Amino acid sequence: MELWELTARESIRDIVARYNSLGDSGHIAAMMCLFAPDAMLDVIGAESIRGREAIEGFFLSVAQQSQEKFQLKYLHHHTSTHQIDLVDEVSAKGRSYFAVLTQDGLDHWGRYVDQYRYHRQDWLIQHRKVYVDGVTPGGWVDMRSL
């Protein structure tokens, strides 16, 4: 394995960790720096969202709903089994499982299927597909009708 491969893998792992941490703590603007300018977000069952500005609007809307309607005290995304496949020196694919906890316990779980791109000295999320595989009845995502 070459040094660029090790660096790419660790940088991509860091993106996923920061995505969860920044989103859970409400730092949406900082989280947008993890996305390519022309990134796409697909939450399966909803319309595709293209571009940082539109993705930021989506997350800000979700955060506002969470505070106003659901009185979430906290939101914790946990990822596991992060598999990274380097396509070449500037593109990669990844898959991971996620589970989301709130003050009421396990809320929902699923998979991220990602495409990453090396852009201006940083690895970024180019395309993220979010598959929600299950929800806790009456939980935050169940009530949001995601």
C-alpha atoms as a PDB file:
ATOM      1  CA  MET A   1       0.000   0.000   0.000  1.00  0.00           C
ATOM      2  CA  GLU A   2       1.311   3.414  -0.933  1.00  0.00           C
ATOM      3  CA  LEU A   3       1.418   6.468   1.343  1.00  0.00           C
ATOM      4  CA  TRP A   4      -1.309   8.296  -0.652  1.00  0.00           C
ATOM      5  CA  GLU A   5      -3.659   5.336  -0.060  1.00  0.00           C
ATOM      6  CA  LEU A   6      -3.130   5.439   3.711  1.00  0.00           C
ATOM      7  CA  THR A   7      -3.597   9.193   3.737  1.00  0.00           C
ATOM      8  CA  ALA A   8      -6.762   8.968   1.642  1.00  0.00           C
ATOM      9  CA  ARG A   9      -8.308   6.272   3.850  1.00  0.00           C
ATOM     10  CA  GLU A  10      -7.626   8.175   7.070  1.00  0.00           C
ATOM     11  CA  SER A  11      -8.889  11.444   5.582  1.00  0.00           C
ATOM     12  CA  ILE A  12     -12.111   9.764   4.459  1.00  0.00           C
ATOM     13  CA  ARG A  13     -12.630   8.169   7.889  1.00  0.00           C
ATOM     14  CA  ASP A  14     -12.184  11.634   9.394  1.00  0.00           C
ATOM     15  CA  ILE A  15     -14.837  13.094   7.067  1.00  0.00           C
ATOM     16  CA  VAL A  16     -17.447  10.608   8.291  1.00  0.00           C
ATOM     17  CA  ALA A  17     -16.564  11.184  11.954  1.00  0.00           C
ATOM     18  CA  ARG A  18     -16.701  14.967  11.548  1.00  0.00           C
ATOM     19  CA  TYR A  19     -19.971  14.769   9.589  1.00  0.00           C
ATOM     20  CA  ASN A  20     -21.605  13.027  12.545  1.00  0.00           C
ATOM     21  CA  SER A  21     -20.016  15.186  15.224  1.00  0.00           C
ATOM     22  CA  LEU A  22     -20.662  18.519  13.519  1.00  0.00           C
ATOM     23  CA  GLY A  23     -24.222  17.622  12.545  1.00  0.00           C
ATOM     24  CA  ASP A  24     -25.112  16.317  15.998  1.00  0.00           C
ATOM     25  CA  SER A  25     -23.773  19.480  17.646  1.00  0.00           C
ATOM     26  CA  GLY A  26     -25.661  21.767  15.243  1.00  0.00           C
ATOM     27  CA  HIS A  27     -22.575  23.112  13.447  1.00  0.00           C
ATOM     28  CA  ILE A  28     -24.214  22.838  10.042  1.00  0.00           C
ATOM     29  CA  ALA A  29     -22.114  25.509   8.291  1.00  0.00           C
ATOM     30  CA  ALA A  30     -18.898  23.748   9.335  1.00  0.00           C
ATOM     31  CA  MET A  31     -20.372  20.413   8.243  1.00  0.00           C
ATOM     32  CA  MET A  32     -20.938  21.826   4.745  1.00  0.00           C
ATOM     33  CA  CYS A  33     -17.155  22.154   4.306  1.00  0.00           C
ATOM     34  CA  LEU A  34     -17.085  18.335   4.172  1.00  0.00           C
ATOM     35  CA  PHE A  35     -19.170  18.325   0.973  1.00  0.00           C
ATOM     36  CA  ALA A  36     -17.924  19.051  -2.534  1.00  0.00           C
ATOM     37  CA  PRO A  37     -19.406  22.281  -3.947  1.00  0.00           C
ATOM     38  CA  ASP A  38     -21.577  20.268  -6.366  1.00  0.00           C
ATOM     39  CA  ALA A  39     -22.304  17.425  -3.933  1.00  0.00           C
ATOM     40  CA  MET A  40     -25.513  15.427  -3.968  1.00  0.00           C
ATOM     41  CA  LEU A  41     -27.444  14.069  -0.996  1.00  0.00           C
ATOM     42  CA  ASP A  42     -30.049  11.357  -1.466  1.00  0.00           C
ATOM     43  CA  VAL A  43     -32.168  10.359   1.487  1.00  0.00           C
ATOM     44  CA  ILE A  44     -33.929   7.364  -0.004  1.00  0.00           C
ATOM     45  CA  GLY A  45     -37.651   8.082  -0.199  1.00  0.00           C
ATOM     46  CA  ALA A  46     -37.156  11.843  -0.578  1.00  0.00           C
ATOM     47  CA  GLU A  47     -36.057  14.101  -3.436  1.00  0.00           C
ATOM     48  CA  SER A  48     -32.355  14.383  -4.275  1.00  0.00           C
ATOM     49  CA  ILE A  49     -30.610  17.499  -3.022  1.00  0.00           C
ATOM     50  CA  ARG A  50     -27.782  18.989  -5.091  1.00  0.00           C
ATOM     51  CA  GLY A  51     -25.189  21.563  -4.027  1.00  0.00           C
ATOM     52  CA  ARG A  52     -23.860  22.730  -0.680  1.00  0.00           C
ATOM     53  CA  GLU A  53     -26.423  25.510  -0.300  1.00  0.00           C
ATOM     54  CA  ALA A  54     -29.402  23.203  -0.834  1.00  0.00           C
ATOM     55  CA  ILE A  55     -27.909  20.507   1.407  1.00  0.00           C
ATOM     56  CA  GLU A  56     -27.294  23.098   4.116  1.00  0.00           C
ATOM     57  CA  GLY A  57     -30.912  24.258   3.827  1.00  0.00           C
ATOM     58  CA  PHE A  58     -32.117  20.676   4.275  1.00  0.00           C
ATOM     59  CA  PHE A  59     -30.025  20.146   7.417  1.00  0.00           C
ATOM     60  CA  LEU A  60     -31.006  23.529   8.877  1.00  0.00           C
ATOM     61  CA  SER A  61     -34.668  22.628   8.358  1.00  0.00           C
ATOM     62  CA  VAL A  62     -34.190  19.266  10.083  1.00  0.00           C
ATOM     63  CA  ALA A  63     -32.371  20.963  12.991  1.00  0.00           C
ATOM     64  CA  GLN A  64     -35.128  23.545  13.386  1.00  0.00           C
ATOM     65  CA  GLN A  65     -37.837  20.843  13.386  1.00  0.00           C
ATOM     66  CA  SER A  66     -35.870  18.874  15.948  1.00  0.00           C
ATOM     67  CA  GLN A  67     -35.763  21.801  18.349  1.00  0.00           C
ATOM     68  CA  GLU A  68     -39.291  23.095  17.835  1.00  0.00           C
ATOM     69  CA  LYS A  69     -41.392  19.958  17.468  1.00  0.00           C
ATOM     70  CA  PHE A  70     -39.529  17.117  19.094  1.00  0.00           C
ATOM     71  CA  GLN A  71     -37.613  18.681  21.985  1.00  0.00           C
ATOM     72  CA  LEU A  72     -34.534  16.605  21.275  1.00  0.00           C
ATOM     73  CA  LYS A  73     -32.016  17.028  24.072  1.00  0.00           C
ATOM     74  CA  TYR A  74     -29.338  15.395  21.991  1.00  0.00           C
ATOM     75  CA  LEU A  75     -28.738  13.449  18.816  1.00  0.00           C
ATOM     76  CA  HIS A  76     -25.837  11.003  18.485  1.00  0.00           C
ATOM     77  CA  HIS A  77     -24.967   9.363  15.168  1.00  0.00           C
ATOM     78  CA  HIS A  78     -22.715   6.308  15.421  1.00  0.00           C
ATOM     79  CA  THR A  79     -21.098   4.719  12.363  1.00  0.00           C
ATOM     80  CA  SER A  80     -19.484   1.323  12.014  1.00  0.00           C
ATOM     81  CA  THR A  81     -18.100  -1.111   9.444  1.00  0.00           C
ATOM     82  CA  HIS A  82     -16.788   1.718   7.285  1.00  0.00           C
ATOM     83  CA  GLN A  83     -15.508   0.113   4.110  1.00  0.00           C
ATOM     84  CA  ILE A  84     -13.493   2.365   1.793  1.00  0.00           C
ATOM     85  CA  ASP A  85     -12.637   1.442  -1.799  1.00  0.00           C
ATOM     86  CA  LEU A  86     -10.135   3.740  -3.486  1.00  0.00           C
ATOM     87  CA  VAL A  87     -10.937   4.072  -7.178  1.00  0.00           C
ATOM     88  CA  ASP A  88      -7.884   6.177  -7.974  1.00  0.00           C
ATOM     89  CA  GLU A  89      -5.914   9.027  -6.395  1.00  0.00           C
ATOM     90  CA  VAL A  90      -8.857  11.451  -6.573  1.00  0.00           C
ATOM     91  CA  SER A  91     -11.981   9.310  -6.107  1.00  0.00           C
ATOM     92  CA  ALA A  92     -13.214   6.678  -3.682  1.00  0.00           C
ATOM     93  CA  LYS A  93     -16.377   4.893  -2.602  1.00  0.00           C
ATOM     94  CA  GLY A  94     -17.498   3.997   0.885  1.00  0.00           C
ATOM     95  CA  ARG A  95     -20.200   2.193   2.784  1.00  0.00           C
ATOM     96  CA  SER A  96     -20.990   2.243   6.490  1.00  0.00           C
ATOM     97  CA  TYR A  97     -23.766   1.445   8.913  1.00  0.00           C
ATOM     98  CA  PHE A  98     -25.215   4.080  11.210  1.00  0.00           C
ATOM     99  CA  ALA A  99     -27.343   4.089  14.336  1.00  0.00           C
ATOM    100  CA  VAL A 100     -28.857   7.226  15.861  1.00  0.00           C
ATOM    101  CA  LEU A 101     -29.564   7.684  19.563  1.00  0.00           C
ATOM    102  CA  THR A 102     -31.683  10.338  21.272  1.00  0.00           C
ATOM    103  CA  GLN A 103     -32.564  10.803  24.930  1.00  0.00           C
ATOM    104  CA  ASP A 104     -35.258   8.134  24.366  1.00  0.00           C
ATOM    105  CA  GLY A 105     -32.797   5.511  23.077  1.00  0.00           C
ATOM    106  CA  LEU A 106     -32.245   4.025  19.623  1.00  0.00           C
ATOM    107  CA  ASP A 107     -34.216   6.106  17.128  1.00  0.00           C
ATOM    108  CA  HIS A 108     -33.286   4.885  13.653  1.00  0.00           C
ATOM    109  CA  TRP A 109     -30.572   3.023  11.792  1.00  0.00           C
ATOM    110  CA  GLY A 110     -29.392   2.363   8.282  1.00  0.00           C
ATOM    111  CA  ARG A 111     -26.554   2.746   5.794  1.00  0.00           C
ATOM    112  CA  TYR A 112     -24.528   5.440   4.125  1.00  0.00           C
ATOM    113  CA  VAL A 113     -23.348   4.720   0.587  1.00  0.00           C
ATOM    114  CA  ASP A 114     -20.836   7.388  -0.371  1.00  0.00           C
ATOM    115  CA  GLN A 115     -18.695   8.656  -3.178  1.00  0.00           C
ATOM    116  CA  TYR A 116     -15.716  10.808  -2.208  1.00  0.00           C
ATOM    117  CA  ARG A 117     -13.574  13.144  -4.267  1.00  0.00           C
ATOM    118  CA  TYR A 118     -10.210  14.749  -3.656  1.00  0.00           C
ATOM    119  CA  HIS A 119     -10.746  18.465  -4.230  1.00  0.00           C
ATOM    120  CA  ARG A 120      -8.234  21.253  -3.582  1.00  0.00           C
ATOM    121  CA  GLN A 121      -6.116  19.260  -1.113  1.00  0.00           C
ATOM    122  CA  ASP A 122      -9.066  17.757   0.801  1.00  0.00           C
ATOM    123  CA  TRP A 123     -11.190  14.650   0.501  1.00  0.00           C
ATOM    124  CA  LEU A 124     -14.881  15.607   0.384  1.00  0.00           C
ATOM    125  CA  ILE A 125     -18.245  13.889   0.137  1.00  0.00           C
ATOM    126  CA  GLN A 126     -19.325  14.005  -3.496  1.00  0.00           C
ATOM    127  CA  HIS A 127     -22.501  11.941  -3.180  1.00  0.00           C
ATOM    128  CA  ARG A 128     -24.131  10.451  -0.102  1.00  0.00           C
ATOM    129  CA  LYS A 129     -27.074   8.067  -0.229  1.00  0.00           C
ATOM    130  CA  VAL A 130     -28.807   7.574   3.109  1.00  0.00           C
ATOM    131  CA  TYR A 131     -30.808   4.382   3.506  1.00  0.00           C
ATOM    132  CA  VAL A 132     -32.957   4.307   6.646  1.00  0.00           C
ATOM    133  CA  ASP A 133     -33.404   0.592   7.300  1.00  0.00           C
ATOM    134  CA  GLY A 134     -35.477   0.882  10.457  1.00  0.00           C
ATOM    135  CA  VAL A 135     -37.064   3.290  12.918  1.00  0.00           C
ATOM    136  CA  THR A 136     -38.322   3.034  16.463  1.00  0.00           C
ATOM    137  CA  PRO A 137     -42.127   3.490  16.419  1.00  0.00           C
ATOM    138  CA  GLY A 138     -43.019   6.896  17.832  1.00  0.00           C
ATOM    139  CA  GLY A 139     -39.381   8.043  17.658  1.00  0.00           C
ATOM    140  CA  TRP A 140     -38.033  11.230  16.132  1.00  0.00           C
ATOM    141  CA  VAL A 141     -37.615   9.935  12.553  1.00  0.00           C
ATOM    142  CA  ASP A 142     -40.861   7.958  12.690  1.00  0.00           C
ATOM    143  CA  MET A 143     -42.730  11.126  13.668  1.00  0.00           C
ATOM    144  CA  ARG A 144     -40.895  13.188  11.011  1.00  0.00           C
ATOM    145  CA  SER A 145     -42.063  10.732   8.352  1.00  0.00           C
ATOM    146  CA  LEU A 146     -38.634  10.628   6.726  1.00  0.00           C
END
